[in-house]
Amino acid sequence: TPHEAERIRQIRQDAKVLVALGTCATAGGIQALRNFTKVQELALAVYQYPEYLHTLEKSSPIAEYVKVDLELWGCPINKYQLLEVVQAVLQKRRPNLPTHCVCLDCKRRDTVCVVVSQGVPCLGPGTRTGCGALCPANGRGCYGCFGPAPNADLQAVSTALRPFERYPGELHQLLRNVSGYAPAFRHAADGLPGPATATSGGQK
């Protein structure tokens, strides 16, 4: 809301260190799905009295408003990463946070790749670690809750996963999920047909 935007500016002014916690703070979160449509249309469809709704035109990460010293991704965040950040701030050092992708977690816990074994699209190759590969361990593809891994080539990942789509536009929907407004996910999704365009031969 406009009030929250002003509040984060005040917090930045008062804080020595500002840490964005969670995917809502780092990428806009699940509510950022409204950024891909018209917010007023959603308000009319969801709320009985939309005139009482005070919201910004889009859901944005905190970094679009103020300088952020550190981002801790995840939906929810990893508690061990949070403890490391708190310790690092208190000790006045840079936190030691892992930067590898979810695929490495699958290897470490002997989880068979769901893309290979089940033909299920999975964002693990382009998603940063933090969840412990929870979804692949339960036979599901990664949804990208921890956002794009540093230096991940999401364009290459999406190209490799296209043949594994189980229905038209599935990969586009995966990239437009919890972390969908993160630039790397957003740009990768922009190059893919959504469900509507995929079923209509690419015509809008």
N, C-alpha and C. Protein backbone atom coordinates (compact mmCIF):
# COMPACT_ATOMS: atom_id res chain seq x y z
N THR A 1 0.84 -1.19 0.00
CA THR A 1 0.00 0.00 0.00
C THR A 1 0.88 1.25 0.00
N PRO A 2 0.33 2.41 -0.33
CA PRO A 2 1.13 3.64 -0.26
C PRO A 2 1.70 3.88 1.14
N HIS A 3 0.93 3.52 2.16
CA HIS A 3 1.42 3.67 3.54
C HIS A 3 2.66 2.81 3.78
N GLU A 4 2.64 1.58 3.28
CA GLU A 4 3.78 0.69 3.48
C GLU A 4 5.00 1.16 2.72
N ALA A 5 4.79 1.75 1.55
CA ALA A 5 5.91 2.29 0.78
C ALA A 5 6.58 3.42 1.54
N GLU A 6 5.78 4.27 2.16
CA GLU A 6 6.34 5.36 2.96
C GLU A 6 7.00 4.82 4.22
N ARG A 7 6.42 3.78 4.78
CA ARG A 7 6.97 3.20 6.01
C ARG A 7 8.35 2.60 5.77
N ILE A 8 8.54 1.92 4.63
CA ILE A 8 9.84 1.31 4.37
C ILE A 8 10.90 2.38 4.14
N ARG A 9 10.51 3.51 3.61
CA ARG A 9 11.47 4.62 3.46
C ARG A 9 11.90 5.14 4.83
N GLN A 10 10.96 5.20 5.76
CA GLN A 10 11.30 5.65 7.11
C GLN A 10 12.18 4.63 7.81
N ILE A 11 11.88 3.34 7.62
CA ILE A 11 12.70 2.28 8.21
C ILE A 11 14.12 2.35 7.68
N ARG A 12 14.26 2.59 6.38
CA ARG A 12 15.59 2.70 5.78
C ARG A 12 16.36 3.88 6.39
N GLN A 13 15.66 4.94 6.63
CA GLN A 13 16.30 6.12 7.19
C GLN A 13 16.79 5.87 8.62
N ASP A 14 16.04 5.05 9.36
CA ASP A 14 16.37 4.81 10.76
C ASP A 14 17.33 3.63 10.96
N ALA A 15 17.42 2.74 9.98
CA ALA A 15 18.18 1.50 10.17
C ALA A 15 19.61 1.60 9.65
N LYS A 16 20.53 1.01 10.39
CA LYS A 16 21.91 0.91 9.92
C LYS A 16 22.03 -0.18 8.86
N VAL A 17 21.33 -1.28 9.09
CA VAL A 17 21.35 -2.41 8.17
C VAL A 17 19.91 -2.80 7.85
N LEU A 18 19.60 -2.89 6.58
CA LEU A 18 18.25 -3.29 6.16
C LEU A 18 18.33 -4.61 5.40
N VAL A 19 17.66 -5.62 5.94
CA VAL A 19 17.65 -6.95 5.33
C VAL A 19 16.23 -7.25 4.85
N ALA A 20 16.10 -7.59 3.59
CA ALA A 20 14.81 -7.98 3.04
C ALA A 20 14.62 -9.47 3.28
N LEU A 21 13.59 -9.83 4.04
CA LEU A 21 13.36 -11.22 4.42
C LEU A 21 12.20 -11.82 3.63
N GLY A 22 12.48 -12.87 2.89
CA GLY A 22 11.43 -13.60 2.20
C GLY A 22 11.17 -13.10 0.79
N THR A 23 10.52 -13.94 0.02
CA THR A 23 10.29 -13.65 -1.39
C THR A 23 9.35 -12.47 -1.60
N CYS A 24 8.44 -12.22 -0.67
CA CYS A 24 7.59 -11.03 -0.79
C CYS A 24 8.44 -9.76 -0.77
N ALA A 25 9.45 -9.75 0.09
CA ALA A 25 10.31 -8.57 0.22
C ALA A 25 11.35 -8.49 -0.89
N THR A 26 11.77 -9.63 -1.42
CA THR A 26 12.85 -9.63 -2.41
C THR A 26 12.36 -9.61 -3.85
N ALA A 27 11.12 -10.10 -4.08
CA ALA A 27 10.63 -10.17 -5.46
C ALA A 27 9.16 -9.80 -5.61
N GLY A 28 8.53 -9.34 -4.54
CA GLY A 28 7.12 -8.99 -4.65
C GLY A 28 6.17 -10.09 -4.23
N GLY A 29 6.68 -11.34 -4.18
CA GLY A 29 5.87 -12.45 -3.69
C GLY A 29 4.74 -12.88 -4.59
N ILE A 30 3.87 -13.73 -4.05
CA ILE A 30 2.78 -14.28 -4.83
C ILE A 30 1.80 -13.19 -5.28
N GLN A 31 1.69 -12.13 -4.48
CA GLN A 31 0.77 -11.05 -4.86
C GLN A 31 1.27 -10.28 -6.08
N ALA A 32 2.54 -10.47 -6.44
CA ALA A 32 3.07 -9.80 -7.63
C ALA A 32 2.50 -10.39 -8.92
N LEU A 33 1.75 -11.47 -8.81
CA LEU A 33 1.07 -12.00 -10.00
C LEU A 33 0.15 -10.95 -10.61
N ARG A 34 -0.33 -10.03 -9.77
CA ARG A 34 -1.21 -8.99 -10.30
C ARG A 34 -0.46 -8.00 -11.18
N ASN A 35 0.87 -8.03 -11.13
CA ASN A 35 1.65 -7.13 -11.97
C ASN A 35 1.51 -7.46 -13.45
N PHE A 36 1.03 -8.66 -13.73
CA PHE A 36 0.92 -9.09 -15.12
C PHE A 36 -0.49 -8.89 -15.67
N THR A 37 -1.32 -8.20 -14.91
CA THR A 37 -2.67 -7.89 -15.37
C THR A 37 -3.04 -6.51 -14.84
N LYS A 38 -4.30 -6.13 -14.94
CA LYS A 38 -4.74 -4.83 -14.46
C LYS A 38 -5.29 -4.98 -13.05
N VAL A 39 -4.69 -4.25 -12.11
CA VAL A 39 -5.05 -4.41 -10.71
C VAL A 39 -6.50 -4.04 -10.44
N GLN A 40 -7.04 -3.08 -11.17
CA GLN A 40 -8.43 -2.68 -10.94
C GLN A 40 -9.40 -3.79 -11.35
N GLU A 41 -9.06 -4.53 -12.39
CA GLU A 41 -9.92 -5.64 -12.80
C GLU A 41 -9.93 -6.73 -11.73
N LEU A 42 -8.77 -6.98 -11.13
CA LEU A 42 -8.71 -7.96 -10.05
C LEU A 42 -9.50 -7.49 -8.84
N ALA A 43 -9.38 -6.22 -8.52
CA ALA A 43 -10.10 -5.67 -7.37
C ALA A 43 -11.61 -5.82 -7.55
N LEU A 44 -12.09 -5.57 -8.75
CA LEU A 44 -13.52 -5.70 -9.02
C LEU A 44 -13.98 -7.15 -8.92
N ALA A 45 -13.10 -8.08 -9.29
CA ALA A 45 -13.46 -9.50 -9.28
C ALA A 45 -13.40 -10.10 -7.88
N VAL A 46 -12.53 -9.56 -7.02
CA VAL A 46 -12.28 -10.18 -5.71
C VAL A 46 -13.05 -9.51 -4.58
N TYR A 47 -13.12 -8.18 -4.60
CA TYR A 47 -13.67 -7.45 -3.46
C TYR A 47 -15.08 -6.92 -3.75
N GLN A 48 -15.93 -7.03 -2.74
CA GLN A 48 -17.29 -6.54 -2.89
C GLN A 48 -17.33 -5.02 -2.97
N TYR A 49 -16.43 -4.38 -2.22
CA TYR A 49 -16.36 -2.92 -2.23
C TYR A 49 -14.93 -2.48 -2.58
N PRO A 50 -14.55 -2.59 -3.83
CA PRO A 50 -13.17 -2.27 -4.23
C PRO A 50 -12.81 -0.80 -4.02
N GLU A 51 -13.80 0.06 -3.85
CA GLU A 51 -13.50 1.47 -3.65
C GLU A 51 -12.80 1.73 -2.31
N TYR A 52 -12.89 0.75 -1.40
CA TYR A 52 -12.21 0.90 -0.11
C TYR A 52 -10.80 0.32 -0.12
N LEU A 53 -10.40 -0.21 -1.25
CA LEU A 53 -9.08 -0.83 -1.37
C LEU A 53 -8.05 0.23 -1.75
N HIS A 54 -7.03 0.37 -0.94
CA HIS A 54 -5.96 1.32 -1.21
C HIS A 54 -4.68 0.53 -1.48
N THR A 55 -4.30 0.46 -2.72
CA THR A 55 -3.15 -0.36 -3.10
C THR A 55 -2.33 0.34 -4.17
N LEU A 56 -1.10 -0.09 -4.30
CA LEU A 56 -0.24 0.42 -5.35
C LEU A 56 -0.57 -0.29 -6.66
N GLU A 57 -0.13 0.26 -7.75
CA GLU A 57 -0.42 -0.33 -9.06
C GLU A 57 0.25 -1.68 -9.23
N LYS A 58 1.37 -1.89 -8.55
CA LYS A 58 2.05 -3.18 -8.65
C LYS A 58 2.70 -3.54 -7.33
N SER A 59 2.93 -4.83 -7.15
CA SER A 59 3.64 -5.33 -5.98
C SER A 59 5.12 -5.42 -6.33
N SER A 60 5.95 -4.75 -5.55
CA SER A 60 7.36 -4.62 -5.90
C SER A 60 8.26 -5.06 -4.75
N PRO A 61 9.47 -5.50 -5.07
CA PRO A 61 10.44 -5.78 -4.01
C PRO A 61 10.85 -4.49 -3.31
N ILE A 62 11.28 -4.63 -2.08
CA ILE A 62 11.69 -3.46 -1.29
C ILE A 62 12.79 -2.68 -1.99
N ALA A 63 13.66 -3.40 -2.69
CA ALA A 63 14.81 -2.75 -3.34
C ALA A 63 14.39 -1.75 -4.41
N GLU A 64 13.15 -1.79 -4.86
CA GLU A 64 12.69 -0.80 -5.83
C GLU A 64 12.38 0.54 -5.16
N TYR A 65 12.33 0.54 -3.83
CA TYR A 65 12.01 1.76 -3.10
C TYR A 65 13.20 2.33 -2.33
N VAL A 66 14.00 1.44 -1.75
CA VAL A 66 15.13 1.88 -0.94
C VAL A 66 16.32 0.96 -1.16
N LYS A 67 17.47 1.39 -0.68
CA LYS A 67 18.68 0.56 -0.75
C LYS A 67 18.55 -0.57 0.27
N VAL A 68 18.77 -1.79 -0.19
CA VAL A 68 18.72 -2.97 0.68
C VAL A 68 20.13 -3.51 0.84
N ASP A 69 20.53 -3.76 2.07
CA ASP A 69 21.89 -4.24 2.33
C ASP A 69 22.05 -5.73 2.06
N LEU A 70 20.98 -6.48 2.27
CA LEU A 70 21.05 -7.92 2.08
C LEU A 70 19.66 -8.48 1.82
N GLU A 71 19.58 -9.42 0.90
CA GLU A 71 18.31 -10.08 0.60
C GLU A 71 18.39 -11.55 1.02
N LEU A 72 17.37 -11.98 1.75
CA LEU A 72 17.28 -13.38 2.16
C LEU A 72 16.01 -13.94 1.53
N TRP A 73 16.20 -14.75 0.49
CA TRP A 73 15.07 -15.25 -0.29
C TRP A 73 14.41 -16.44 0.40
N GLY A 74 13.23 -16.77 -0.09
CA GLY A 74 12.55 -17.97 0.38
C GLY A 74 11.11 -17.73 0.75
N CYS A 75 10.29 -18.75 0.57
CA CYS A 75 8.88 -18.69 0.95
C CYS A 75 8.48 -20.05 1.53
N PRO A 76 8.78 -20.24 2.85
CA PRO A 76 9.37 -19.30 3.80
C PRO A 76 10.90 -19.31 3.72
N ILE A 77 11.53 -18.39 4.44
CA ILE A 77 12.99 -18.33 4.46
C ILE A 77 13.55 -19.54 5.22
N ASN A 78 14.83 -19.80 4.99
CA ASN A 78 15.53 -20.87 5.69
C ASN A 78 16.00 -20.36 7.05
N LYS A 79 15.62 -21.04 8.12
CA LYS A 79 15.94 -20.54 9.47
C LYS A 79 17.44 -20.53 9.74
N TYR A 80 18.17 -21.45 9.14
CA TYR A 80 19.62 -21.48 9.35
C TYR A 80 20.29 -20.31 8.62
N GLN A 81 19.76 -19.96 7.47
CA GLN A 81 20.28 -18.79 6.77
C GLN A 81 19.98 -17.52 7.57
N LEU A 82 18.82 -17.47 8.19
CA LEU A 82 18.47 -16.31 9.01
C LEU A 82 19.42 -16.19 10.20
N LEU A 83 19.71 -17.30 10.86
CA LEU A 83 20.64 -17.28 11.99
C LEU A 83 22.02 -16.81 11.55
N GLU A 84 22.45 -17.26 10.38
CA GLU A 84 23.75 -16.85 9.86
C GLU A 84 23.77 -15.34 9.60
N VAL A 85 22.68 -14.81 9.08
CA VAL A 85 22.60 -13.37 8.81
C VAL A 85 22.65 -12.58 10.12
N VAL A 86 21.90 -13.02 11.12
CA VAL A 86 21.89 -12.32 12.41
C VAL A 86 23.29 -12.34 13.03
N GLN A 87 23.93 -13.50 13.01
CA GLN A 87 25.29 -13.60 13.56
C GLN A 87 26.26 -12.71 12.80
N ALA A 88 26.13 -12.70 11.49
CA ALA A 88 27.04 -11.90 10.67
C ALA A 88 26.87 -10.40 10.94
N VAL A 89 25.63 -9.97 11.09
CA VAL A 89 25.38 -8.55 11.38
C VAL A 89 25.96 -8.18 12.74
N LEU A 90 25.77 -9.04 13.73
CA LEU A 90 26.29 -8.77 15.07
C LEU A 90 27.82 -8.78 15.10
N GLN A 91 28.41 -9.63 14.25
CA GLN A 91 29.87 -9.74 14.20
C GLN A 91 30.50 -8.81 13.16
N LYS A 92 29.65 -8.04 12.49
CA LYS A 92 30.09 -7.07 11.49
C LYS A 92 30.93 -7.72 10.39
N ARG A 93 30.38 -8.79 9.82
CA ARG A 93 31.02 -9.48 8.72
C ARG A 93 29.97 -9.83 7.67
N ARG A 94 30.43 -10.24 6.50
CA ARG A 94 29.51 -10.66 5.46
C ARG A 94 28.99 -12.06 5.78
N PRO A 95 27.70 -12.30 5.63
CA PRO A 95 27.18 -13.64 5.91
C PRO A 95 27.65 -14.66 4.88
N ASN A 96 27.85 -15.86 5.33
CA ASN A 96 28.27 -16.94 4.45
C ASN A 96 27.03 -17.74 4.04
N LEU A 97 26.44 -17.35 2.93
CA LEU A 97 25.21 -17.98 2.46
C LEU A 97 25.48 -18.79 1.20
N PRO A 98 24.89 -19.97 1.09
CA PRO A 98 25.10 -20.80 -0.10
C PRO A 98 24.47 -20.16 -1.33
N THR A 99 25.07 -20.37 -2.48
CA THR A 99 24.57 -19.76 -3.72
C THR A 99 24.27 -20.79 -4.80
N HIS A 100 24.45 -22.07 -4.49
CA HIS A 100 24.23 -23.09 -5.52
C HIS A 100 22.73 -23.29 -5.77
N CYS A 101 22.41 -24.04 -6.79
CA CYS A 101 21.02 -24.26 -7.16
C CYS A 101 20.45 -25.50 -6.47
N VAL A 102 19.15 -25.66 -6.57
CA VAL A 102 18.45 -26.76 -5.91
C VAL A 102 18.91 -28.12 -6.41
N CYS A 103 19.35 -28.20 -7.66
CA CYS A 103 19.80 -29.47 -8.22
C CYS A 103 20.89 -30.12 -7.37
N LEU A 104 21.80 -29.31 -6.85
CA LEU A 104 22.88 -29.85 -6.03
C LEU A 104 22.32 -30.46 -4.75
N ASP A 105 21.27 -29.85 -4.19
CA ASP A 105 20.64 -30.41 -3.00
C ASP A 105 20.05 -31.79 -3.29
N CYS A 106 19.46 -31.94 -4.47
CA CYS A 106 18.91 -33.24 -4.86
C CYS A 106 20.01 -34.30 -4.90
N LYS A 107 21.15 -33.94 -5.46
CA LYS A 107 22.27 -34.88 -5.53
C LYS A 107 22.73 -35.27 -4.13
N ARG A 108 22.81 -34.29 -3.24
CA ARG A 108 23.32 -34.54 -1.90
C ARG A 108 22.40 -35.42 -1.07
N ARG A 109 21.10 -35.35 -1.34
CA ARG A 109 20.17 -36.16 -0.56
C ARG A 109 19.70 -37.40 -1.33
N ASP A 110 20.40 -37.69 -2.44
CA ASP A 110 20.09 -38.87 -3.25
C ASP A 110 18.66 -38.87 -3.78
N THR A 111 18.18 -37.69 -4.12
CA THR A 111 16.86 -37.57 -4.73
C THR A 111 16.98 -37.72 -6.24
N VAL A 112 16.25 -38.66 -6.79
CA VAL A 112 16.30 -38.89 -8.23
C VAL A 112 15.66 -37.70 -8.94
N CYS A 113 16.29 -37.22 -10.00
CA CYS A 113 15.81 -36.07 -10.75
C CYS A 113 14.40 -36.34 -11.29
N VAL A 114 13.45 -35.47 -10.97
CA VAL A 114 12.07 -35.68 -11.41
C VAL A 114 11.92 -35.42 -12.91
N VAL A 115 12.81 -34.60 -13.47
CA VAL A 115 12.75 -34.37 -14.91
C VAL A 115 13.11 -35.65 -15.66
N VAL A 116 14.16 -36.31 -15.19
CA VAL A 116 14.64 -37.53 -15.84
C VAL A 116 13.71 -38.71 -15.57
N SER A 117 13.31 -38.87 -14.31
CA SER A 117 12.55 -40.07 -13.93
C SER A 117 11.05 -39.98 -14.22
N GLN A 118 10.50 -38.75 -14.16
CA GLN A 118 9.06 -38.61 -14.34
C GLN A 118 8.66 -37.71 -15.51
N GLY A 119 9.64 -37.03 -16.08
CA GLY A 119 9.32 -36.10 -17.15
C GLY A 119 8.56 -34.89 -16.66
N VAL A 120 8.83 -34.48 -15.41
CA VAL A 120 8.14 -33.35 -14.79
C VAL A 120 9.00 -32.10 -14.89
N PRO A 121 8.47 -30.99 -15.41
CA PRO A 121 9.25 -29.75 -15.44
C PRO A 121 9.65 -29.32 -14.03
N CYS A 122 10.88 -28.88 -13.88
CA CYS A 122 11.40 -28.52 -12.56
C CYS A 122 12.32 -27.32 -12.69
N LEU A 123 12.12 -26.31 -11.85
CA LEU A 123 12.95 -25.10 -11.91
C LEU A 123 14.21 -25.21 -11.06
N GLY A 124 14.48 -26.41 -10.54
CA GLY A 124 15.66 -26.62 -9.71
C GLY A 124 16.97 -26.16 -10.33
N PRO A 125 17.19 -26.35 -11.64
CA PRO A 125 18.47 -25.92 -12.23
C PRO A 125 18.69 -24.41 -12.17
N GLY A 126 17.62 -23.64 -11.99
CA GLY A 126 17.78 -22.19 -11.98
C GLY A 126 17.37 -21.52 -10.68
N THR A 127 17.04 -22.33 -9.66
CA THR A 127 16.56 -21.79 -8.38
C THR A 127 17.61 -21.92 -7.30
N ARG A 128 17.78 -20.87 -6.50
CA ARG A 128 18.78 -20.89 -5.44
C ARG A 128 18.39 -21.86 -4.33
N THR A 129 19.39 -22.38 -3.66
CA THR A 129 19.17 -23.33 -2.58
C THR A 129 18.55 -22.65 -1.36
N GLY A 130 18.00 -23.48 -0.47
CA GLY A 130 17.43 -22.96 0.77
C GLY A 130 16.33 -23.84 1.32
N CYS A 131 15.63 -24.54 0.43
CA CYS A 131 14.51 -25.37 0.86
C CYS A 131 14.93 -26.81 1.13
N GLY A 132 16.15 -27.18 0.72
CA GLY A 132 16.56 -28.57 0.87
C GLY A 132 15.95 -29.48 -0.18
N ALA A 133 15.56 -28.90 -1.30
CA ALA A 133 14.94 -29.67 -2.40
C ALA A 133 13.68 -30.38 -1.93
N LEU A 134 12.85 -29.67 -1.20
CA LEU A 134 11.65 -30.25 -0.60
C LEU A 134 10.68 -30.81 -1.64
N CYS A 135 10.39 -30.02 -2.67
CA CYS A 135 9.42 -30.48 -3.67
C CYS A 135 9.93 -31.68 -4.48
N PRO A 136 11.14 -31.64 -5.02
CA PRO A 136 11.63 -32.82 -5.74
C PRO A 136 11.69 -34.07 -4.86
N ALA A 137 11.98 -33.89 -3.57
CA ALA A 137 12.03 -35.03 -2.66
C ALA A 137 10.66 -35.67 -2.50
N ASN A 138 9.61 -34.91 -2.82
CA ASN A 138 8.25 -35.43 -2.74
C ASN A 138 7.64 -35.68 -4.12
N GLY A 139 8.53 -35.81 -5.11
CA GLY A 139 8.08 -36.18 -6.44
C GLY A 139 7.49 -35.06 -7.26
N ARG A 140 7.73 -33.81 -6.86
CA ARG A 140 7.21 -32.67 -7.61
C ARG A 140 8.36 -31.82 -8.12
N GLY A 141 8.13 -31.11 -9.20
CA GLY A 141 9.14 -30.20 -9.70
C GLY A 141 9.26 -28.98 -8.80
N CYS A 142 10.43 -28.36 -8.80
CA CYS A 142 10.67 -27.15 -8.01
C CYS A 142 9.83 -26.00 -8.56
N TYR A 143 9.25 -25.21 -7.65
CA TYR A 143 8.42 -24.06 -8.03
C TYR A 143 9.19 -22.74 -8.01
N GLY A 144 10.45 -22.79 -7.62
CA GLY A 144 11.25 -21.56 -7.62
C GLY A 144 10.99 -20.63 -6.46
N CYS A 145 10.57 -21.17 -5.31
CA CYS A 145 10.21 -20.32 -4.16
C CYS A 145 11.38 -19.48 -3.65
N PHE A 146 12.61 -19.97 -3.82
CA PHE A 146 13.77 -19.24 -3.32
C PHE A 146 14.39 -18.32 -4.37
N GLY A 147 13.67 -18.12 -5.45
CA GLY A 147 14.13 -17.17 -6.46
C GLY A 147 15.26 -17.70 -7.31
N PRO A 148 15.66 -16.94 -8.31
CA PRO A 148 16.71 -17.38 -9.23
C PRO A 148 18.07 -17.50 -8.55
N ALA A 149 18.78 -18.56 -8.86
CA ALA A 149 20.13 -18.73 -8.34
C ALA A 149 21.05 -17.70 -8.99
N PRO A 150 22.03 -17.21 -8.26
CA PRO A 150 22.97 -16.24 -8.85
C PRO A 150 23.63 -16.82 -10.10
N ASN A 151 23.67 -16.04 -11.15
CA ASN A 151 24.31 -16.42 -12.41
C ASN A 151 23.61 -17.57 -13.14
N ALA A 152 22.41 -17.92 -12.72
CA ALA A 152 21.67 -18.98 -13.42
C ALA A 152 21.19 -18.46 -14.78
N ASP A 153 21.29 -19.30 -15.78
CA ASP A 153 20.83 -18.95 -17.12
C ASP A 153 19.41 -19.49 -17.29
N LEU A 154 18.43 -18.69 -16.88
CA LEU A 154 17.04 -19.14 -16.93
C LEU A 154 16.53 -19.32 -18.35
N GLN A 155 17.11 -18.59 -19.29
CA GLN A 155 16.72 -18.78 -20.68
C GLN A 155 17.10 -20.18 -21.14
N ALA A 156 18.30 -20.62 -20.78
CA ALA A 156 18.74 -21.97 -21.15
C ALA A 156 17.92 -23.03 -20.43
N VAL A 157 17.61 -22.77 -19.16
CA VAL A 157 16.81 -23.72 -18.38
C VAL A 157 15.43 -23.88 -19.01
N SER A 158 14.80 -22.77 -19.37
CA SER A 158 13.46 -22.84 -19.95
C SER A 158 13.47 -23.54 -21.30
N THR A 159 14.52 -23.32 -22.08
CA THR A 159 14.63 -24.00 -23.37
C THR A 159 14.75 -25.51 -23.19
N ALA A 160 15.54 -25.91 -22.19
CA ALA A 160 15.74 -27.34 -21.94
C ALA A 160 14.48 -28.01 -21.41
N LEU A 161 13.64 -27.25 -20.69
CA LEU A 161 12.45 -27.83 -20.07
C LEU A 161 11.22 -27.81 -20.96
N ARG A 162 11.25 -27.06 -22.04
CA ARG A 162 10.07 -26.96 -22.90
C ARG A 162 9.54 -28.32 -23.35
N PRO A 163 10.40 -29.28 -23.74
CA PRO A 163 9.88 -30.57 -24.19
C PRO A 163 9.15 -31.36 -23.10
N PHE A 164 9.31 -30.95 -21.83
CA PHE A 164 8.71 -31.70 -20.73
C PHE A 164 7.38 -31.10 -20.25
N GLU A 165 6.91 -30.08 -20.93
CA GLU A 165 5.62 -29.50 -20.54
C GLU A 165 4.52 -30.54 -20.68
N ARG A 166 3.69 -30.65 -19.64
CA ARG A 166 2.59 -31.62 -19.66
C ARG A 166 1.32 -31.03 -20.24
N TYR A 167 1.28 -29.72 -20.35
CA TYR A 167 0.16 -29.05 -21.01
C TYR A 167 0.69 -27.72 -21.54
N PRO A 168 0.07 -27.16 -22.54
CA PRO A 168 0.58 -25.92 -23.15
C PRO A 168 0.67 -24.78 -22.13
N GLY A 169 1.83 -24.15 -22.08
CA GLY A 169 2.01 -23.00 -21.20
C GLY A 169 2.40 -23.35 -19.77
N GLU A 170 2.69 -24.63 -19.48
CA GLU A 170 3.00 -25.02 -18.10
C GLU A 170 4.27 -24.33 -17.59
N LEU A 171 5.29 -24.28 -18.42
CA LEU A 171 6.55 -23.68 -17.99
C LEU A 171 6.38 -22.18 -17.74
N HIS A 172 5.58 -21.54 -18.56
CA HIS A 172 5.28 -20.12 -18.36
C HIS A 172 4.64 -19.91 -16.99
N GLN A 173 3.71 -20.79 -16.62
CA GLN A 173 3.05 -20.68 -15.32
C GLN A 173 4.03 -20.93 -14.17
N LEU A 174 4.94 -21.88 -14.35
CA LEU A 174 5.93 -22.16 -13.31
C LEU A 174 6.80 -20.93 -13.04
N LEU A 175 7.23 -20.28 -14.10
CA LEU A 175 8.08 -19.11 -13.95
C LEU A 175 7.32 -17.90 -13.42
N ARG A 176 6.01 -17.89 -13.61
CA ARG A 176 5.17 -16.80 -13.11
C ARG A 176 4.50 -17.23 -11.81
N ASN A 177 5.28 -17.78 -10.89
CA ASN A 177 4.73 -18.28 -9.64
C ASN A 177 5.18 -17.39 -8.49
N VAL A 178 5.58 -17.99 -7.39
CA VAL A 178 5.91 -17.26 -6.17
C VAL A 178 6.97 -16.18 -6.40
N SER A 179 8.00 -16.53 -7.17
CA SER A 179 9.09 -15.58 -7.45
C SER A 179 8.99 -15.00 -8.86
N GLY A 180 7.80 -15.02 -9.41
CA GLY A 180 7.62 -14.68 -10.82
C GLY A 180 8.02 -13.27 -11.22
N TYR A 181 8.07 -12.34 -10.25
CA TYR A 181 8.43 -10.97 -10.61
C TYR A 181 9.93 -10.71 -10.49
N ALA A 182 10.68 -11.72 -10.04
CA ALA A 182 12.14 -11.60 -10.05
C ALA A 182 12.59 -11.44 -11.50
N PRO A 183 13.48 -10.50 -11.79
CA PRO A 183 13.83 -10.22 -13.19
C PRO A 183 14.21 -11.45 -14.01
N ALA A 184 15.02 -12.35 -13.46
CA ALA A 184 15.46 -13.51 -14.24
C ALA A 184 14.28 -14.41 -14.61
N PHE A 185 13.37 -14.64 -13.67
CA PHE A 185 12.19 -15.45 -13.95
C PHE A 185 11.25 -14.72 -14.91
N ARG A 186 11.11 -13.43 -14.68
CA ARG A 186 10.19 -12.63 -15.49
C ARG A 186 10.62 -12.61 -16.95
N HIS A 187 11.91 -12.39 -17.18
CA HIS A 187 12.40 -12.33 -18.55
C HIS A 187 12.34 -13.69 -19.24
N ALA A 188 12.59 -14.75 -18.48
CA ALA A 188 12.50 -16.09 -19.07
C ALA A 188 11.06 -16.41 -19.46
N ALA A 189 10.11 -16.00 -18.62
CA ALA A 189 8.70 -16.25 -18.91
C ALA A 189 8.21 -15.43 -20.09
N ASP A 190 8.77 -14.24 -20.26
CA ASP A 190 8.36 -13.37 -21.36
C ASP A 190 8.60 -14.02 -22.72
N GLY A 191 9.58 -14.91 -22.79
CA GLY A 191 9.89 -15.55 -24.06
C GLY A 191 9.12 -16.83 -24.31
N LEU A 192 8.17 -17.14 -23.41
CA LEU A 192 7.40 -18.37 -23.54
C LEU A 192 5.92 -18.08 -23.72
N PRO A 193 5.22 -18.93 -24.45
CA PRO A 193 3.78 -18.73 -24.59
C PRO A 193 3.06 -19.12 -23.30
N GLY A 194 2.08 -18.31 -22.90
CA GLY A 194 1.25 -18.65 -21.75
C GLY A 194 0.19 -19.65 -22.15
N PRO A 195 -0.59 -20.14 -21.19
CA PRO A 195 -1.62 -21.15 -21.50
C PRO A 195 -2.59 -20.71 -22.59
N ALA A 196 -3.02 -19.44 -22.55
CA ALA A 196 -4.01 -18.97 -23.53
C ALA A 196 -3.42 -18.91 -24.93
N THR A 197 -2.21 -18.34 -25.05
CA THR A 197 -1.61 -18.20 -26.37
C THR A 197 -1.13 -19.55 -26.90
N ALA A 198 -0.72 -20.44 -25.99
CA ALA A 198 -0.22 -21.74 -26.42
C ALA A 198 -1.33 -22.57 -27.05
N THR A 199 -2.54 -22.47 -26.50
CA THR A 199 -3.65 -23.27 -27.01
C THR A 199 -4.30 -22.65 -28.23
N SER A 200 -3.98 -21.39 -28.51
CA SER A 200 -4.59 -20.72 -29.66
C SER A 200 -3.58 -20.50 -30.78
N GLY A 201 -2.51 -21.27 -30.74
CA GLY A 201 -1.53 -21.17 -31.80
C GLY A 201 -0.68 -19.92 -31.74
N GLY A 202 -0.58 -19.33 -30.53
CA GLY A 202 0.26 -18.16 -30.36
C GLY A 202 -0.43 -16.85 -30.67
N GLN A 203 -1.75 -16.89 -30.94
CA GLN A 203 -2.49 -15.67 -31.24
C GLN A 203 -3.22 -15.20 -30.01
N LYS A 204 -3.22 -13.89 -29.79
CA LYS A 204 -3.93 -13.32 -28.65
C LYS A 204 -5.32 -12.88 -29.07
